[in-house]
Amino acid sequence: MFLSSLFERRRSLRDRGVLGMNQRNNAYIGRYNDRAKFPVVDNKVTSKKLAIEAGVAVPKLLHIIRTQYEIFALRPELEQLDEFVIKPAKGSGGKGILVITGREGNEWVKASGSRVTFDDIERHISNTLGGLYSLGGNSDIAMIEGLIKADPVFNRFSFEGVPDIRTIVFQGYPVMAMMRLATRSSDGKANLHQGAVGVGLDLATGKSLKAVQFDRQVNHHPDTGHSFADLSIPHWRRLLELSSACFDMTGLGYLGVDIVLDRIHGPLILELNARPGLAIQIANGQGLLPRLKTIEGLPKTHALATERVDYAQVTFSEHEPAWIPAQKSELETA
């Protein structure tokens, strides 16, 4: 009985076009991503410098810390800052990101509202350099960026932290997108594994289709109580063109592009990922495979990012949002 049920479930997921991890690794990442180009996106400092050279908008880089000695020299600089973000250059999954949103006396305020001292920050950076948050536990570099001020249109949909938009780009074509919204349980970070909400987005319009938290469908933000049915992304066309252009910038055929919307500067590239996760399928309520195979079947790809976005918006548009009573679906248990 158990084996029969498992077989039926796998067949159902396959019929719905769900891309699994092994297939993603072998048929798409392994086939379309040259491993020699991985360091470009695996290191946030390298990818940021590449984006700056290509004229792509990114958050302001304030400091790069490579040695323990540089931590001690950092204090006078941080004393002048009320807001900043510390990231490991080789981190993944949101690990090691420290978001500071304010200052009260000798303490800094995190996105979650808790407070830290310079000693806490010093310890965090020291752990970062030691590789606590890096891929494979190797020694790392700490990067300090200016704090992004989220577009106020998202104030009702996110708790404290800055929301971002993840787009899967295949051969330069945006094929699926979702917005990740911070919650109290995610400590103000837009990370799904830590409790952020993922909202599937219609490629044609930038409007919400479905939302999930911890792989279960939700209709309202757990902290603000606001309905996700009202969510619509401004600057949507520009955001998709930026995502598409990252294919030309990196040469990676299967790519995750994370973008934030700053209230002053508009869309900014936050991070690139050569091994983007698969939860975007849950947020959208459908599999990636049909869209990937559509691009693979094109007799000739489009040369310009604007043309690729035109094609994607027409071909992969959705019309029926899935705002139904929250329940765990078969796709969500994959």
Protein backbone atom coordinates (compact mmCIF):
# COMPACT_ATOMS: atom_id res chain seq x y z
CA MET A 1 0.00 0.00 0.00
CA PHE A 2 2.75 2.46 0.96
CA LEU A 3 4.80 1.75 -2.19
CA SER A 4 1.72 2.04 -4.37
CA SER A 5 0.82 5.40 -2.80
CA LEU A 6 4.38 6.65 -3.22
CA PHE A 7 4.41 5.58 -6.87
CA GLU A 8 1.11 7.35 -7.55
CA ARG A 9 2.37 10.50 -5.89
CA ARG A 10 5.57 10.54 -7.93
CA ARG A 11 3.64 9.97 -11.12
CA SER A 12 1.26 12.81 -10.27
CA LEU A 13 4.17 15.19 -9.62
CA ARG A 14 5.82 14.15 -12.88
CA ASP A 15 2.56 14.74 -14.75
CA ARG A 16 2.39 18.23 -13.26
CA GLY A 17 5.86 19.07 -14.53
CA VAL A 18 7.59 19.36 -11.13
CA LEU A 19 11.36 19.66 -11.45
CA GLY A 20 13.19 17.55 -8.86
CA MET A 21 16.62 18.19 -7.42
CA ASN A 22 18.44 15.42 -9.30
CA GLN A 23 16.94 16.46 -12.61
CA ARG A 24 17.73 20.10 -11.88
CA ASN A 25 21.35 19.24 -11.10
CA ASN A 26 21.94 16.92 -14.06
CA ALA A 27 19.72 18.16 -16.88
CA TYR A 28 19.95 21.90 -16.25
CA ILE A 29 22.69 23.07 -13.88
CA GLY A 30 25.17 20.45 -15.09
CA ARG A 31 24.28 20.94 -18.75
CA TYR A 32 23.83 24.70 -19.03
CA ASN A 33 26.15 26.12 -16.35
CA ASP A 34 29.88 26.04 -17.02
CA ARG A 35 31.48 25.18 -13.66
CA ALA A 36 34.33 27.55 -14.43
CA LYS A 37 31.80 30.39 -14.12
CA PHE A 38 30.42 29.32 -10.73
CA PRO A 39 32.89 31.43 -8.71
CA VAL A 40 31.43 34.53 -10.32
CA VAL A 41 28.10 34.04 -8.55
CA ASP A 42 29.20 31.94 -5.55
CA ASN A 43 31.18 34.92 -4.26
CA LYS A 44 29.00 37.96 -3.56
CA VAL A 45 31.95 40.34 -3.75
CA THR A 46 32.94 39.05 -7.19
CA SER A 47 29.38 39.15 -8.54
CA LYS A 48 28.85 42.66 -7.17
CA LYS A 49 31.99 43.94 -8.88
CA LEU A 50 30.94 42.24 -12.12
CA ALA A 51 27.52 43.89 -11.94
CA ILE A 52 29.07 47.31 -11.30
CA GLU A 53 31.35 46.87 -14.32
CA ALA A 54 28.34 45.87 -16.44
CA GLY A 55 26.42 48.94 -15.33
CA VAL A 56 23.82 46.90 -13.42
CA ALA A 57 22.39 48.61 -10.33
CA VAL A 58 23.35 47.01 -6.98
CA PRO A 59 23.24 48.08 -3.28
CA LYS A 60 26.15 50.32 -2.23
CA LEU A 61 29.28 48.47 -1.07
CA LEU A 62 30.67 50.03 2.14
CA HIS A 63 33.42 47.70 3.35
CA ILE A 64 35.14 44.41 2.59
CA ILE A 65 36.76 42.62 5.55
CA ARG A 66 39.28 39.90 4.77
CA THR A 67 41.28 39.49 8.00
CA GLN A 68 40.64 39.38 11.74
CA TYR A 69 42.86 42.44 12.15
CA GLU A 70 40.54 44.50 9.97
CA ILE A 71 37.66 43.84 12.39
CA PHE A 72 39.37 45.85 15.13
CA ALA A 73 39.96 48.74 12.73
CA LEU A 74 36.30 48.68 11.72
CA ARG A 75 34.85 50.08 14.93
CA PRO A 76 35.34 53.80 14.15
CA GLU A 77 33.67 53.22 10.77
CA LEU A 78 30.66 51.41 12.23
CA GLU A 79 30.27 54.08 14.90
CA GLN A 80 29.33 56.43 12.05
CA LEU A 81 26.65 54.08 10.69
CA ASP A 82 23.11 53.58 11.94
CA GLU A 83 22.02 51.20 9.19
CA PHE A 84 23.94 48.49 7.31
CA VAL A 85 23.95 44.83 6.29
CA ILE A 86 26.76 42.31 6.86
CA LYS A 87 26.97 39.31 4.51
CA PRO A 88 29.36 36.40 4.04
CA ALA A 89 30.75 36.53 0.50
CA LYS A 90 30.27 32.77 0.05
CA GLY A 91 27.17 32.24 2.15
CA SER A 92 24.00 30.49 1.03
CA GLY A 93 20.41 30.17 2.14
CA GLY A 94 20.47 33.51 3.95
CA LYS A 95 22.90 32.19 6.57
CA GLY A 96 25.17 34.74 8.21
CA ILE A 97 23.32 37.83 7.02
CA LEU A 98 23.05 40.45 9.76
CA VAL A 99 20.63 43.29 9.06
CA ILE A 100 20.98 46.46 11.15
CA THR A 101 18.10 48.92 10.85
CA GLY A 102 18.84 51.47 13.56
CA ARG A 103 20.88 52.63 16.53
CA GLU A 104 20.08 53.23 20.20
CA GLY A 105 23.00 54.49 22.25
CA ASN A 106 25.84 51.98 22.12
CA GLU A 107 23.66 49.28 20.61
CA TRP A 108 22.47 48.59 17.08
CA VAL A 109 18.93 47.39 16.32
CA LYS A 110 18.38 44.32 14.14
CA ALA A 111 15.51 43.96 11.67
CA SER A 112 13.71 41.74 14.19
CA GLY A 113 13.90 44.49 16.84
CA SER A 114 16.51 42.80 19.03
CA ARG A 115 19.72 44.67 19.89
CA VAL A 116 23.40 43.89 19.44
CA THR A 117 26.63 45.50 20.66
CA PHE A 118 29.86 46.00 18.75
CA ASP A 119 31.19 42.90 20.51
CA ASP A 120 28.29 40.93 19.03
CA ILE A 121 29.02 42.33 15.57
CA GLU A 122 32.73 41.64 15.98
CA ARG A 123 31.96 38.03 16.91
CA HIS A 124 29.62 37.68 13.95
CA ILE A 125 32.23 38.94 11.49
CA SER A 126 34.91 36.74 13.06
CA ASN A 127 32.65 33.70 12.61
CA THR A 128 32.04 34.76 9.02
CA LEU A 129 35.77 34.95 8.25
CA GLY A 130 36.22 31.54 9.88
CA GLY A 131 33.74 30.03 7.41
CA LEU A 132 30.83 29.34 9.77
CA TYR A 133 28.31 30.45 7.14
CA SER A 134 30.18 29.69 3.92
CA LEU A 135 29.66 26.88 1.43
CA GLY A 136 31.77 23.93 2.59
CA GLY A 137 32.89 25.73 5.75
CA ASN A 138 35.87 27.34 4.02
CA SER A 139 37.36 30.65 5.15
CA ASP A 140 35.38 33.60 3.87
CA ILE A 141 35.17 37.36 3.43
CA ALA A 142 32.66 39.66 5.13
CA MET A 143 30.95 42.30 3.04
CA ILE A 144 29.16 45.35 4.47
CA GLU A 145 26.52 47.01 2.30
CA GLY A 146 24.28 50.00 2.70
CA LEU A 147 20.80 49.14 3.98
CA ILE A 148 18.18 48.96 1.26
CA LYS A 149 15.09 51.04 1.94
CA ALA A 150 12.22 48.97 0.64
CA ASP A 151 9.59 50.54 -1.57
CA PRO A 152 6.78 51.54 0.87
CA VAL A 153 4.26 49.73 -1.33
CA PHE A 154 5.39 46.55 0.46
CA ASN A 155 4.98 47.83 4.02
CA ARG A 156 1.73 45.89 4.50
CA PHE A 157 3.19 42.65 3.17
CA SER A 158 6.49 42.25 5.02
CA PHE A 159 7.61 42.29 8.65
CA GLU A 160 10.57 44.66 9.19
CA GLY A 161 12.93 43.13 6.61
CA VAL A 162 13.33 43.98 2.93
CA PRO A 163 11.37 41.71 0.57
CA ASP A 164 13.02 40.44 -2.61
CA ILE A 165 11.95 38.93 -5.92
CA ARG A 166 13.53 35.65 -7.05
CA THR A 167 13.36 34.95 -10.79
CA ILE A 168 14.50 31.75 -12.46
CA VAL A 169 16.22 32.66 -15.73
CA PHE A 170 16.81 29.92 -18.29
CA GLN A 171 18.89 30.68 -21.38
CA GLY A 172 18.17 34.34 -20.70
CA TYR A 173 14.37 33.91 -20.45
CA PRO A 174 12.55 34.59 -17.17
CA VAL A 175 10.52 31.41 -16.64
CA MET A 176 9.13 31.74 -13.10
CA ALA A 177 9.16 34.33 -10.32
CA MET A 178 8.19 34.73 -6.69
CA MET A 179 8.43 37.36 -4.00
CA ARG A 180 9.91 36.46 -0.61
CA LEU A 181 8.50 38.40 2.33
CA ALA A 182 10.07 38.58 5.78
CA THR A 183 8.19 37.54 8.91
CA ARG A 184 8.86 37.69 12.63
CA SER A 185 9.84 34.01 12.59
CA SER A 186 12.34 34.61 9.76
CA ASP A 187 14.07 37.32 11.87
CA GLY A 188 13.32 39.98 9.27
CA LYS A 189 15.05 38.02 6.49
CA ALA A 190 13.46 37.07 3.17
CA ASN A 191 14.47 33.43 3.51
CA LEU A 192 11.84 30.71 3.02
CA HIS A 193 13.69 28.08 5.07
CA GLN A 194 13.65 30.43 8.05
CA GLY A 195 9.94 31.22 7.82
CA ALA A 196 9.57 33.92 5.18
CA VAL A 197 6.51 33.81 2.90
CA GLY A 198 6.92 32.99 -0.79
CA VAL A 199 4.40 34.55 -3.18
CA GLY A 200 4.11 33.24 -6.74
CA LEU A 201 4.00 36.01 -9.37
CA ASP A 202 2.41 36.21 -12.80
CA LEU A 203 5.18 36.91 -15.33
CA ALA A 204 2.84 38.96 -17.50
CA THR A 205 1.66 41.37 -14.82
CA GLY A 206 3.74 41.00 -11.65
CA LYS A 207 0.57 40.26 -9.67
CA SER A 208 0.33 37.62 -6.95
CA LEU A 209 -0.94 34.12 -7.71
CA LYS A 210 -0.48 32.13 -4.49
CA ALA A 211 1.44 32.36 -1.19
CA VAL A 212 3.10 29.74 1.01
CA GLN A 213 4.90 29.66 4.37
CA PHE A 214 6.74 26.53 5.48
CA ASP A 215 5.36 24.89 2.30
CA ARG A 216 1.73 25.48 3.31
CA GLN A 217 -0.56 27.86 1.50
CA VAL A 218 -1.47 31.09 3.32
CA ASN A 219 -3.66 33.97 2.23
CA HIS A 220 -2.55 36.63 4.73
CA HIS A 221 0.76 37.73 6.19
CA PRO A 222 1.17 36.05 9.62
CA ASP A 223 2.32 39.29 11.29
CA THR A 224 0.63 42.16 9.43
CA GLY A 225 -2.57 40.28 8.62
CA HIS A 226 -2.74 41.80 5.15
CA SER A 227 -4.09 39.77 2.22
CA PHE A 228 -1.56 38.73 -0.41
CA ALA A 229 -4.28 38.89 -3.06
CA ASP A 230 -3.60 42.65 -3.30
CA LEU A 231 0.13 42.26 -3.97
CA SER A 232 1.39 43.71 -7.27
CA ILE A 233 5.03 44.50 -8.10
CA PRO A 234 5.89 47.98 -9.44
CA HIS A 235 8.63 48.39 -12.09
CA TRP A 236 7.80 44.83 -13.15
CA ARG A 237 8.98 45.09 -16.75
CA ARG A 238 12.28 46.69 -15.69
CA LEU A 239 12.78 43.97 -13.09
CA LEU A 240 12.38 41.20 -15.67
CA GLU A 241 14.78 42.91 -18.08
CA LEU A 242 17.41 43.17 -15.33
CA SER A 243 16.96 39.47 -14.55
CA SER A 244 17.27 38.52 -18.22
CA ALA A 245 20.40 40.65 -18.63
CA CYS A 246 22.14 38.61 -15.89
CA PHE A 247 22.37 35.75 -18.39
CA ASP A 248 24.42 37.95 -20.71
CA MET A 249 26.49 39.20 -17.77
CA THR A 250 27.37 35.77 -16.34
CA GLY A 251 27.01 33.32 -19.21
CA LEU A 252 25.09 30.94 -16.91
CA GLY A 253 22.17 29.24 -18.62
CA TYR A 254 20.26 28.26 -15.45
CA LEU A 255 20.27 31.07 -12.94
CA GLY A 256 18.43 32.47 -9.94
CA VAL A 257 18.33 36.28 -9.81
CA ASP A 258 17.33 38.07 -6.58
CA ILE A 259 16.20 41.68 -6.93
CA VAL A 260 15.03 44.23 -4.35
CA LEU A 261 13.01 47.38 -4.95
CA ASP A 262 14.60 50.39 -3.26
CA ARG A 263 12.31 53.34 -2.61
CA ILE A 264 14.79 55.73 -4.26
CA HIS A 265 16.83 53.66 -6.72
CA GLY A 266 14.17 51.21 -7.88
CA PRO A 267 15.18 47.62 -8.81
CA LEU A 268 18.63 46.55 -7.54
CA ILE A 269 20.37 43.22 -8.09
CA LEU A 270 20.84 41.70 -4.65
CA GLU A 271 22.33 38.30 -5.44
CA LEU A 272 22.86 35.72 -8.20
CA ASN A 273 22.62 31.97 -7.66
CA ALA A 274 23.89 29.21 -9.97
CA ARG A 275 21.96 26.58 -7.97
CA PRO A 276 18.61 28.20 -7.20
CA GLY A 277 16.24 26.20 -5.03
CA LEU A 278 13.00 24.59 -6.13
CA ALA A 279 10.54 26.08 -3.64
CA ILE A 280 9.52 28.60 -6.29
CA GLN A 281 7.37 25.79 -7.75
CA ILE A 282 5.44 25.51 -4.50
CA ALA A 283 4.91 29.27 -4.34
CA ASN A 284 3.54 29.24 -7.89
CA GLY A 285 1.59 26.01 -7.54
CA GLN A 286 3.08 24.50 -10.70
CA GLY A 287 6.23 22.85 -12.00
CA LEU A 288 9.14 24.38 -13.87
CA LEU A 289 9.66 21.57 -16.40
CA PRO A 290 7.05 22.59 -19.01
CA ARG A 291 8.50 26.10 -19.17
CA LEU A 292 12.09 24.88 -19.36
CA LYS A 293 11.20 22.46 -22.14
CA THR A 294 9.40 25.23 -24.03
CA ILE A 295 12.61 27.27 -24.11
CA GLU A 296 14.66 24.21 -25.05
CA GLY A 297 12.30 23.63 -27.97
CA LEU A 298 12.76 27.08 -29.50
CA PRO A 299 14.28 26.82 -32.99
CA LYS A 300 16.20 30.02 -32.30
CA THR A 301 16.63 32.04 -29.11
CA HIS A 302 16.22 35.80 -28.93
CA ALA A 303 19.42 37.84 -28.77
CA LEU A 304 18.17 40.81 -26.72
CA ALA A 305 16.94 40.79 -23.13
CA THR A 306 13.91 42.88 -24.12
CA GLU A 307 12.94 40.28 -26.73
CA ARG A 308 13.35 37.42 -24.28
CA VAL A 309 11.14 39.21 -21.75
CA ASP A 310 8.52 39.86 -24.44
CA TYR A 311 8.42 36.15 -25.23
CA ALA A 312 8.27 35.07 -21.58
CA GLN A 313 5.48 37.46 -20.65
CA VAL A 314 3.28 36.23 -23.50
CA THR A 315 4.13 32.53 -23.22
CA PHE A 316 4.15 32.06 -19.43
CA SER A 317 1.34 34.37 -18.34
CA GLU A 318 -1.21 33.19 -15.76
CA HIS A 319 -4.80 34.29 -15.43
CA GLU A 320 -6.26 32.51 -12.41
CA PRO A 321 -4.79 33.27 -8.96
CA ALA A 322 -5.07 30.39 -6.50
CA TRP A 323 -6.59 32.28 -3.57
CA ILE A 324 -8.42 29.38 -1.98
CA PRO A 325 -8.66 28.22 1.66
CA ALA A 326 -5.17 27.23 2.75
CA GLN A 327 -4.45 23.51 2.65
CA LYS A 328 -1.46 21.28 2.09
CA SER A 329 -1.44 20.03 -1.50
CA GLU A 330 0.28 17.12 -3.16
CA LEU A 331 2.79 19.48 -4.79
CA GLU A 332 3.62 20.98 -1.40
CA THR A 333 4.55 17.59 0.05
CA ALA A 334 7.11 16.92 -2.72
